[in-house]
Amino acid sequence: MANPKFDRPVPIRIDDPRNVQSAQDAYDILTHWQGIPDLDHTGAIAVCCKAFKGQRSGKEARLAFQRFALNNGILADDAATTNSSSGSSRQR
């Protein structure tokens, strides 16, 4: 099973700041998520699982996880302002 590394980390803040650096890191966060599962959550899990099998790239897993983090209000503030293409993020 592969563990694709991200080309750059995804900074998040749940309780403490953390940099998510691989599909495995993202998968661990997604499977322990205490919020309400949504399409971004389900999609990010699916992309990470496919990345483990070599069917998706680390870049695709990173983008899926970053979308999940942004839409669930856990993307660190500095990343939300520089990487947001949708305009605003919702807070949990």
PDB file of N, CA and C in Angstrom:
ATOM      1  N   MET A   1       0.848  -1.180   0.000  1.00  0.00           N
ATOM      2  CA  MET A   1       0.000   0.000   0.000  1.00  0.00           C
ATOM      3  C   MET A   1       0.887   1.235   0.000  1.00  0.00           C
ATOM      4  N   ALA A   2       0.670   2.113  -0.949  1.00  0.00           N
ATOM      5  CA  ALA A   2       1.435   3.353  -1.045  1.00  0.00           C
ATOM      6  C   ALA A   2       0.874   4.397  -0.084  1.00  0.00           C
ATOM      7  N   ASN A   3       1.692   5.370   0.268  1.00  0.00           N
ATOM      8  CA  ASN A   3       1.266   6.512   1.072  1.00  0.00           C
ATOM      9  C   ASN A   3       1.794   7.768   0.401  1.00  0.00           C
ATOM     10  N   PRO A   4       1.099   8.249  -0.638  1.00  0.00           N
ATOM     11  CA  PRO A   4       1.595   9.419  -1.357  1.00  0.00           C
ATOM     12  C   PRO A   4       1.767  10.639  -0.454  1.00  0.00           C
ATOM     13  N   LYS A   5       2.932  11.235  -0.542  1.00  0.00           N
ATOM     14  CA  LYS A   5       3.208  12.479   0.187  1.00  0.00           C
ATOM     15  C   LYS A   5       2.611  13.635  -0.590  1.00  0.00           C
ATOM     16  N   PHE A   6       2.198  14.673   0.120  1.00  0.00           N
ATOM     17  CA  PHE A   6       1.676  15.873  -0.524  1.00  0.00           C
ATOM     18  C   PHE A   6       2.840  16.732  -0.996  1.00  0.00           C
ATOM     19  N   ASP A   7       2.641  17.481  -2.089  1.00  0.00           N
ATOM     20  CA  ASP A   7       3.693  18.357  -2.596  1.00  0.00           C
ATOM     21  C   ASP A   7       3.969  19.498  -1.623  1.00  0.00           C
ATOM     22  N   ARG A   8       2.973  19.875  -0.849  1.00  0.00           N
ATOM     23  CA  ARG A   8       3.140  20.819   0.260  1.00  0.00           C
ATOM     24  C   ARG A   8       2.088  20.478   1.307  1.00  0.00           C
ATOM     25  N   PRO A   9       2.380  20.717   2.575  1.00  0.00           N
ATOM     26  CA  PRO A   9       1.432  20.314   3.622  1.00  0.00           C
ATOM     27  C   PRO A   9       0.161  21.157   3.600  1.00  0.00           C
ATOM     28  N   VAL A  10      -0.899  20.589   4.151  1.00  0.00           N
ATOM     29  CA  VAL A  10      -2.160  21.307   4.349  1.00  0.00           C
ATOM     30  C   VAL A  10      -2.213  21.687   5.827  1.00  0.00           C
ATOM     31  N   PRO A  11      -2.106  22.979   6.152  1.00  0.00           N
ATOM     32  CA  PRO A  11      -2.161  23.391   7.556  1.00  0.00           C
ATOM     33  C   PRO A  11      -3.606  23.414   8.056  1.00  0.00           C
ATOM     34  N   ILE A  12      -3.849  22.712   9.152  1.00  0.00           N
ATOM     35  CA  ILE A  12      -5.187  22.689   9.736  1.00  0.00           C
ATOM     36  C   ILE A  12      -5.110  23.071  11.208  1.00  0.00           C
ATOM     37  N   ARG A  13      -6.258  23.373  11.754  1.00  0.00           N
ATOM     38  CA  ARG A  13      -6.368  23.635  13.185  1.00  0.00           C
ATOM     39  C   ARG A  13      -7.659  22.994  13.668  1.00  0.00           C
ATOM     40  N   ILE A  14      -7.499  21.941  14.463  1.00  0.00           N
ATOM     41  CA  ILE A  14      -8.668  21.338  15.108  1.00  0.00           C
ATOM     42  C   ILE A  14      -8.622  21.767  16.575  1.00  0.00           C
ATOM     43  N   ASP A  15      -7.694  21.262  17.338  1.00  0.00           N
ATOM     44  CA  ASP A  15      -7.432  21.778  18.679  1.00  0.00           C
ATOM     45  C   ASP A  15      -6.127  22.561  18.647  1.00  0.00           C
ATOM     46  N   ASP A  16      -5.125  21.962  18.063  1.00  0.00           N
ATOM     47  CA  ASP A  16      -3.822  22.594  17.893  1.00  0.00           C
ATOM     48  C   ASP A  16      -3.494  22.612  16.410  1.00  0.00           C
ATOM     49  N   PRO A  17      -2.633  23.541  15.996  1.00  0.00           N
ATOM     50  CA  PRO A  17      -2.233  23.568  14.587  1.00  0.00           C
ATOM     51  C   PRO A  17      -1.484  22.289  14.211  1.00  0.00           C
ATOM     52  N   ARG A  18      -1.676  21.856  12.989  1.00  0.00           N
ATOM     53  CA  ARG A  18      -1.016  20.646  12.501  1.00  0.00           C
ATOM     54  C   ARG A  18      -0.870  20.746  10.991  1.00  0.00           C
ATOM     55  N   ASN A  19       0.223  20.224  10.464  1.00  0.00           N
ATOM     56  CA  ASN A  19       0.418  20.141   9.026  1.00  0.00           C
ATOM     57  C   ASN A  19       0.161  18.713   8.575  1.00  0.00           C
ATOM     58  N   VAL A  20      -0.783  18.558   7.663  1.00  0.00           N
ATOM     59  CA  VAL A  20      -1.113  17.246   7.096  1.00  0.00           C
ATOM     60  C   VAL A  20      -0.230  17.082   5.866  1.00  0.00           C
ATOM     61  N   GLN A  21       0.616  16.033   5.868  1.00  0.00           N
ATOM     62  CA  GLN A  21       1.658  15.924   4.860  1.00  0.00           C
ATOM     63  C   GLN A  21       1.524  14.741   3.914  1.00  0.00           C
ATOM     64  N   SER A  22       0.517  13.892   4.118  1.00  0.00           N
ATOM     65  CA  SER A  22       0.389  12.715   3.250  1.00  0.00           C
ATOM     66  C   SER A  22      -1.059  12.248   3.218  1.00  0.00           C
ATOM     67  N   ALA A  23      -1.324  11.342   2.280  1.00  0.00           N
ATOM     68  CA  ALA A  23      -2.661  10.757   2.181  1.00  0.00           C
ATOM     69  C   ALA A  23      -3.008  10.001   3.463  1.00  0.00           C
ATOM     70  N   GLN A  24      -2.033   9.346   4.091  1.00  0.00           N
ATOM     71  CA  GLN A  24      -2.296   8.622   5.338  1.00  0.00           C
ATOM     72  C   GLN A  24      -2.655   9.578   6.466  1.00  0.00           C
ATOM     73  N   ASP A  25      -1.933  10.705   6.579  1.00  0.00           N
ATOM     74  CA  ASP A  25      -2.287  11.715   7.590  1.00  0.00           C
ATOM     75  C   ASP A  25      -3.721  12.187   7.395  1.00  0.00           C
ATOM     76  N   ALA A  26      -4.062  12.498   6.140  1.00  0.00           N
ATOM     77  CA  ALA A  26      -5.407  12.985   5.831  1.00  0.00           C
ATOM     78  C   ALA A  26      -6.456  11.917   6.168  1.00  0.00           C
ATOM     79  N   TYR A  27      -6.195  10.681   5.763  1.00  0.00           N
ATOM     80  CA  TYR A  27      -7.116   9.576   6.017  1.00  0.00           C
ATOM     81  C   TYR A  27      -7.353   9.399   7.518  1.00  0.00           C
ATOM     82  N   ASP A  28      -6.283   9.486   8.314  1.00  0.00           N
ATOM     83  CA  ASP A  28      -6.418   9.346   9.768  1.00  0.00           C
ATOM     84  C   ASP A  28      -7.338  10.419  10.342  1.00  0.00           C
ATOM     85  N   ILE A  29      -7.182  11.639   9.883  1.00  0.00           N
ATOM     86  CA  ILE A  29      -8.040  12.734  10.359  1.00  0.00           C
ATOM     87  C   ILE A  29      -9.479  12.510   9.909  1.00  0.00           C
ATOM     88  N   LEU A  30      -9.648  12.145   8.652  1.00  0.00           N
ATOM     89  CA  LEU A  30     -10.989  11.932   8.110  1.00  0.00           C
ATOM     90  C   LEU A  30     -11.736  10.812   8.819  1.00  0.00           C
ATOM     91  N   THR A  31     -11.051   9.729   9.151  1.00  0.00           N
ATOM     92  CA  THR A  31     -11.731   8.595   9.785  1.00  0.00           C
ATOM     93  C   THR A  31     -11.996   8.826  11.270  1.00  0.00           C
ATOM     94  N   HIS A  32     -11.356   9.827  11.857  1.00  0.00           N
ATOM     95  CA  HIS A  32     -11.610  10.171  13.255  1.00  0.00           C
ATOM     96  C   HIS A  32     -12.445  11.450  13.383  1.00  0.00           C
ATOM     97  N   TRP A  33     -12.965  11.936  12.268  1.00  0.00           N
ATOM     98  CA  TRP A  33     -13.717  13.184  12.246  1.00  0.00           C
ATOM     99  C   TRP A  33     -14.979  13.060  13.095  1.00  0.00           C
ATOM    100  N   GLN A  34     -15.177  14.033  13.995  1.00  0.00           N
ATOM    101  CA  GLN A  34     -16.324  14.021  14.898  1.00  0.00           C
ATOM    102  C   GLN A  34     -17.509  14.821  14.361  1.00  0.00           C
ATOM    103  N   GLY A  35     -17.293  15.544  13.273  1.00  0.00           N
ATOM    104  CA  GLY A  35     -18.368  16.338  12.678  1.00  0.00           C
ATOM    105  C   GLY A  35     -19.314  15.481  11.863  1.00  0.00           C
ATOM    106  N   ILE A  36     -20.286  16.133  11.275  1.00  0.00           N
ATOM    107  CA  ILE A  36     -21.259  15.437  10.447  1.00  0.00           C
ATOM    108  C   ILE A  36     -20.613  15.117   9.102  1.00  0.00           C
ATOM    109  N   PRO A  37     -20.596  13.862   8.698  1.00  0.00           N
ATOM    110  CA  PRO A  37     -20.028  13.512   7.396  1.00  0.00           C
ATOM    111  C   PRO A  37     -20.831  14.171   6.274  1.00  0.00           C
ATOM    112  N   ASP A  38     -20.128  14.720   5.293  1.00  0.00           N
ATOM    113  CA  ASP A  38     -20.773  15.330   4.143  1.00  0.00           C
ATOM    114  C   ASP A  38     -20.106  14.806   2.881  1.00  0.00           C
ATOM    115  N   LEU A  39     -20.486  15.333   1.735  1.00  0.00           N
ATOM    116  CA  LEU A  39     -19.916  14.850   0.481  1.00  0.00           C
ATOM    117  C   LEU A  39     -18.415  15.100   0.395  1.00  0.00           C
ATOM    118  N   ASP A  40     -17.934  16.232   0.920  1.00  0.00           N
ATOM    119  CA  ASP A  40     -16.495  16.499   0.914  1.00  0.00           C
ATOM    120  C   ASP A  40     -15.747  15.460   1.746  1.00  0.00           C
ATOM    121  N   HIS A  41     -16.312  15.096   2.884  1.00  0.00           N
ATOM    122  CA  HIS A  41     -15.722  14.098   3.772  1.00  0.00           C
ATOM    123  C   HIS A  41     -15.651  12.736   3.079  1.00  0.00           C
ATOM    124  N   THR A  42     -16.789  12.306   2.544  1.00  0.00           N
ATOM    125  CA  THR A  42     -16.863  11.014   1.860  1.00  0.00           C
ATOM    126  C   THR A  42     -15.942  10.979   0.644  1.00  0.00           C
ATOM    127  N   GLY A  43     -15.942  12.059  -0.127  1.00  0.00           N
ATOM    128  CA  GLY A  43     -15.100  12.130  -1.310  1.00  0.00           C
ATOM    129  C   GLY A  43     -13.623  12.099  -0.976  1.00  0.00           C
ATOM    130  N   ALA A  44     -13.221  12.825   0.076  1.00  0.00           N
ATOM    131  CA  ALA A  44     -11.811  12.861   0.467  1.00  0.00           C
ATOM    132  C   ALA A  44     -11.343  11.481   0.932  1.00  0.00           C
ATOM    133  N   ILE A  45     -12.181  10.773   1.669  1.00  0.00           N
ATOM    134  CA  ILE A  45     -11.828   9.411   2.084  1.00  0.00           C
ATOM    135  C   ILE A  45     -11.626   8.533   0.854  1.00  0.00           C
ATOM    136  N   ALA A  46     -12.548   8.623  -0.102  1.00  0.00           N
ATOM    137  CA  ALA A  46     -12.455   7.801  -1.311  1.00  0.00           C
ATOM    138  C   ALA A  46     -11.185   8.104  -2.095  1.00  0.00           C
ATOM    139  N   VAL A  47     -10.848   9.381  -2.231  1.00  0.00           N
ATOM    140  CA  VAL A  47      -9.638   9.754  -2.982  1.00  0.00           C
ATOM    141  C   VAL A  47      -8.387   9.269  -2.252  1.00  0.00           C
ATOM    142  N   CYS A  48      -8.345   9.386  -0.930  1.00  0.00           N
ATOM    143  CA  CYS A  48      -7.189   8.890  -0.170  1.00  0.00           C
ATOM    144  C   CYS A  48      -7.043   7.376  -0.344  1.00  0.00           C
ATOM    145  N   CYS A  49      -8.144   6.646  -0.267  1.00  0.00           N
ATOM    146  CA  CYS A  49      -8.082   5.187  -0.448  1.00  0.00           C
ATOM    147  C   CYS A  49      -7.581   4.821  -1.836  1.00  0.00           C
ATOM    148  N   LYS A  50      -8.023   5.545  -2.845  1.00  0.00           N
ATOM    149  CA  LYS A  50      -7.546   5.295  -4.201  1.00  0.00           C
ATOM    150  C   LYS A  50      -6.074   5.668  -4.347  1.00  0.00           C
ATOM    151  N   ALA A  51      -5.630   6.688  -3.619  1.00  0.00           N
ATOM    152  CA  ALA A  51      -4.210   7.058  -3.652  1.00  0.00           C
ATOM    153  C   ALA A  51      -3.356   5.948  -3.051  1.00  0.00           C
ATOM    154  N   PHE A  52      -3.859   5.284  -2.016  1.00  0.00           N
ATOM    155  CA  PHE A  52      -3.123   4.153  -1.431  1.00  0.00           C
ATOM    156  C   PHE A  52      -2.910   3.043  -2.457  1.00  0.00           C
ATOM    157  N   LYS A  53      -3.879   2.864  -3.348  1.00  0.00           N
ATOM    158  CA  LYS A  53      -3.821   1.806  -4.362  1.00  0.00           C
ATOM    159  C   LYS A  53      -3.129   2.247  -5.647  1.00  0.00           C
ATOM    160  N   GLY A  54      -2.688   3.518  -5.687  1.00  0.00           N
ATOM    161  CA  GLY A  54      -2.030   4.024  -6.887  1.00  0.00           C
ATOM    162  C   GLY A  54      -2.990   4.465  -7.975  1.00  0.00           C
ATOM    163  N   GLN A  55      -4.276   4.546  -7.658  1.00  0.00           N
ATOM    164  CA  GLN A  55      -5.282   4.943  -8.641  1.00  0.00           C
ATOM    165  C   GLN A  55      -5.502   6.451  -8.676  1.00  0.00           C
ATOM    166  N   ARG A  56      -5.010   7.178  -7.690  1.00  0.00           N
ATOM    167  CA  ARG A  56      -5.054   8.635  -7.621  1.00  0.00           C
ATOM    168  C   ARG A  56      -3.695   9.115  -7.137  1.00  0.00           C
ATOM    169  N   SER A  57      -3.395  10.365  -7.423  1.00  0.00           N
ATOM    170  CA  SER A  57      -2.093  10.930  -7.036  1.00  0.00           C
ATOM    171  C   SER A  57      -2.162  11.580  -5.657  1.00  0.00           C
ATOM    172  N   GLY A  58      -0.993  11.859  -5.104  1.00  0.00           N
ATOM    173  CA  GLY A  58      -0.923  12.601  -3.854  1.00  0.00           C
ATOM    174  C   GLY A  58      -1.521  13.991  -4.010  1.00  0.00           C
ATOM    175  N   LYS A  59      -1.337  14.578  -5.184  1.00  0.00           N
ATOM    176  CA  LYS A  59      -1.897  15.914  -5.438  1.00  0.00           C
ATOM    177  C   LYS A  59      -3.424  15.878  -5.379  1.00  0.00           C
ATOM    178  N   GLU A  60      -4.028  14.850  -5.968  1.00  0.00           N
ATOM    179  CA  GLU A  60      -5.488  14.731  -5.935  1.00  0.00           C
ATOM    180  C   GLU A  60      -5.986  14.501  -4.505  1.00  0.00           C
ATOM    181  N   ALA A  61      -5.269  13.697  -3.738  1.00  0.00           N
ATOM    182  CA  ALA A  61      -5.647  13.466  -2.340  1.00  0.00           C
ATOM    183  C   ALA A  61      -5.529  14.755  -1.540  1.00  0.00           C
ATOM    184  N   ARG A  62      -4.461  15.513  -1.804  1.00  0.00           N
ATOM    185  CA  ARG A  62      -4.267  16.790  -1.110  1.00  0.00           C
ATOM    186  C   ARG A  62      -5.408  17.754  -1.420  1.00  0.00           C
ATOM    187  N   LEU A  63      -5.774  17.873  -2.679  1.00  0.00           N
ATOM    188  CA  LEU A  63      -6.846  18.791  -3.061  1.00  0.00           C
ATOM    189  C   LEU A  63      -8.179  18.386  -2.440  1.00  0.00           C
ATOM    190  N   ALA A  64      -8.473  17.098  -2.416  1.00  0.00           N
ATOM    191  CA  ALA A  64      -9.718  16.625  -1.813  1.00  0.00           C
ATOM    192  C   ALA A  64      -9.736  16.907  -0.309  1.00  0.00           C
ATOM    193  N   PHE A  65      -8.601  16.661   0.361  1.00  0.00           N
ATOM    194  CA  PHE A  65      -8.546  16.923   1.798  1.00  0.00           C
ATOM    195  C   PHE A  65      -8.614  18.419   2.079  1.00  0.00           C
ATOM    196  N   GLN A  66      -7.938  19.214   1.270  1.00  0.00           N
ATOM    197  CA  GLN A  66      -7.964  20.667   1.476  1.00  0.00           C
ATOM    198  C   GLN A  66      -9.386  21.210   1.315  1.00  0.00           C
ATOM    199  N   ARG A  67     -10.130  20.711   0.334  1.00  0.00           N
ATOM    200  CA  ARG A  67     -11.525  21.128   0.143  1.00  0.00           C
ATOM    201  C   ARG A  67     -12.351  20.773   1.378  1.00  0.00           C
ATOM    202  N   PHE A  68     -12.163  19.551   1.887  1.00  0.00           N
ATOM    203  CA  PHE A  68     -12.858  19.134   3.108  1.00  0.00           C
ATOM    204  C   PHE A  68     -12.518  20.070   4.265  1.00  0.00           C
ATOM    205  N   ALA A  69     -11.229  20.346   4.457  1.00  0.00           N
ATOM    206  CA  ALA A  69     -10.794  21.189   5.572  1.00  0.00           C
ATOM    207  C   ALA A  69     -11.357  22.603   5.448  1.00  0.00           C
ATOM    208  N   LEU A  70     -11.319  23.163   4.253  1.00  0.00           N
ATOM    209  CA  LEU A  70     -11.852  24.507   4.038  1.00  0.00           C
ATOM    210  C   LEU A  70     -13.344  24.563   4.337  1.00  0.00           C
ATOM    211  N   ASN A  71     -14.089  23.626   3.788  1.00  0.00           N
ATOM    212  CA  ASN A  71     -15.546  23.650   3.942  1.00  0.00           C
ATOM    213  C   ASN A  71     -16.025  23.269   5.333  1.00  0.00           C
ATOM    214  N   ASN A  72     -15.133  22.704   6.151  1.00  0.00           N
ATOM    215  CA  ASN A  72     -15.499  22.363   7.528  1.00  0.00           C
ATOM    216  C   ASN A  72     -14.841  23.262   8.553  1.00  0.00           C
ATOM    217  N   GLY A  73     -14.209  24.328   8.102  1.00  0.00           N
ATOM    218  CA  GLY A  73     -13.682  25.343   9.010  1.00  0.00           C
ATOM    219  C   GLY A  73     -12.440  24.946   9.777  1.00  0.00           C
ATOM    220  N   ILE A  74     -11.679  23.954   9.293  1.00  0.00           N
ATOM    221  CA  ILE A  74     -10.465  23.559  10.017  1.00  0.00           C
ATOM    222  C   ILE A  74      -9.184  23.902   9.265  1.00  0.00           C
ATOM    223  N   LEU A  75      -9.310  24.458   8.052  1.00  0.00           N
ATOM    224  CA  LEU A  75      -8.123  24.887   7.327  1.00  0.00           C
ATOM    225  C   LEU A  75      -7.559  26.083   8.068  1.00  0.00           C
ATOM    226  N   ALA A  76      -6.255  26.060   8.366  1.00  0.00           N
ATOM    227  CA  ALA A  76      -5.637  27.151   9.118  1.00  0.00           C
ATOM    228  C   ALA A  76      -5.865  28.471   8.388  1.00  0.00           C
ATOM    229  N   ASP A  77      -6.036  29.532   9.146  1.00  0.00           N
ATOM    230  CA  ASP A  77      -6.400  30.840   8.598  1.00  0.00           C
ATOM    231  C   ASP A  77      -5.498  31.303   7.471  1.00  0.00           C
ATOM    232  N   ASP A  78      -4.186  31.139   7.608  1.00  0.00           N
ATOM    233  CA  ASP A  78      -3.282  31.608   6.559  1.00  0.00           C
ATOM    234  C   ASP A  78      -3.512  30.857   5.259  1.00  0.00           C
ATOM    235  N   ALA A  79      -3.816  29.572   5.321  1.00  0.00           N
ATOM    236  CA  ALA A  79      -4.072  28.794   4.110  1.00  0.00           C
ATOM    237  C   ALA A  79      -5.435  29.141   3.525  1.00  0.00           C
ATOM    238  N   ALA A  80      -6.403  29.426   4.372  1.00  0.00           N
ATOM    239  CA  ALA A  80      -7.747  29.735   3.889  1.00  0.00           C
ATOM    240  C   ALA A  80      -7.747  31.016   3.070  1.00  0.00           C
ATOM    241  N   THR A  81      -6.925  31.974   3.437  1.00  0.00           N
ATOM    242  CA  THR A  81      -6.924  33.229   2.698  1.00  0.00           C
ATOM    243  C   THR A  81      -6.086  33.150   1.441  1.00  0.00           C
ATOM    244  N   THR A  82      -5.059  32.303   1.416  1.00  0.00           N
ATOM    245  CA  THR A  82      -4.215  32.228   0.226  1.00  0.00           C
ATOM    246  C   THR A  82      -4.641  31.150  -0.745  1.00  0.00           C
ATOM    247  N   ASN A  83      -5.346  30.128  -0.291  1.00  0.00           N
ATOM    248  CA  ASN A  83      -5.696  29.004  -1.164  1.00  0.00           C
ATOM    249  C   ASN A  83      -7.172  28.913  -1.498  1.00  0.00           C
ATOM    250  N   SER A  84      -7.982  29.786  -0.962  1.00  0.00           N
ATOM    251  CA  SER A  84      -9.419  29.693  -1.191  1.00  0.00           C
ATOM    252  C   SER A  84      -9.784  30.189  -2.578  1.00  0.00           C
ATOM    253  N   SER A  85     -10.475  29.337  -3.306  1.00  0.00           N
ATOM    254  CA  SER A  85     -10.973  29.777  -4.610  1.00  0.00           C
ATOM    255  C   SER A  85     -12.471  29.942  -4.589  1.00  0.00           C
ATOM    256  N   SER A  86     -13.113  29.515  -3.498  1.00  0.00           N
ATOM    257  CA  SER A  86     -14.568  29.601  -3.444  1.00  0.00           C
ATOM    258  C   SER A  86     -15.060  30.819  -2.679  1.00  0.00           C
ATOM    259  N   GLY A  87     -14.170  31.552  -2.049  1.00  0.00           N
ATOM    260  CA  GLY A  87     -14.585  32.788  -1.402  1.00  0.00           C
ATOM    261  C   GLY A  87     -14.677  32.714   0.092  1.00  0.00           C
ATOM    262  N   SER A  88     -15.528  31.862   0.646  1.00  0.00           N
ATOM    263  CA  SER A  88     -15.692  31.849   2.093  1.00  0.00           C
ATOM    264  C   SER A  88     -15.714  30.432   2.607  1.00  0.00           C
ATOM    265  N   SER A  89     -15.404  30.287   3.885  1.00  0.00           N
ATOM    266  CA  SER A  89     -15.465  28.968   4.505  1.00  0.00           C
ATOM    267  C   SER A  89     -16.527  28.995   5.586  1.00  0.00           C
ATOM    268  N   ARG A  90     -17.137  27.823   5.825  1.00  0.00           N
ATOM    269  CA  ARG A  90     -18.110  27.739   6.895  1.00  0.00           C
ATOM    270  C   ARG A  90     -17.405  27.315   8.163  1.00  0.00           C
ATOM    271  N   GLN A  91     -17.915  27.775   9.243  1.00  0.00           N
ATOM    272  CA  GLN A  91     -17.402  27.377  10.550  1.00  0.00           C
ATOM    273  C   GLN A  91     -18.259  26.275  11.093  1.00  0.00           C
ATOM    274  N   ARG A  92     -17.652  25.363  11.873  1.00  0.00           N
ATOM    275  CA  ARG A  92     -18.451  24.318  12.474  1.00  0.00           C
ATOM    276  C   ARG A  92     -19.042  24.817  13.764  1.00  0.00           C
TER     277      ARG A  92
END
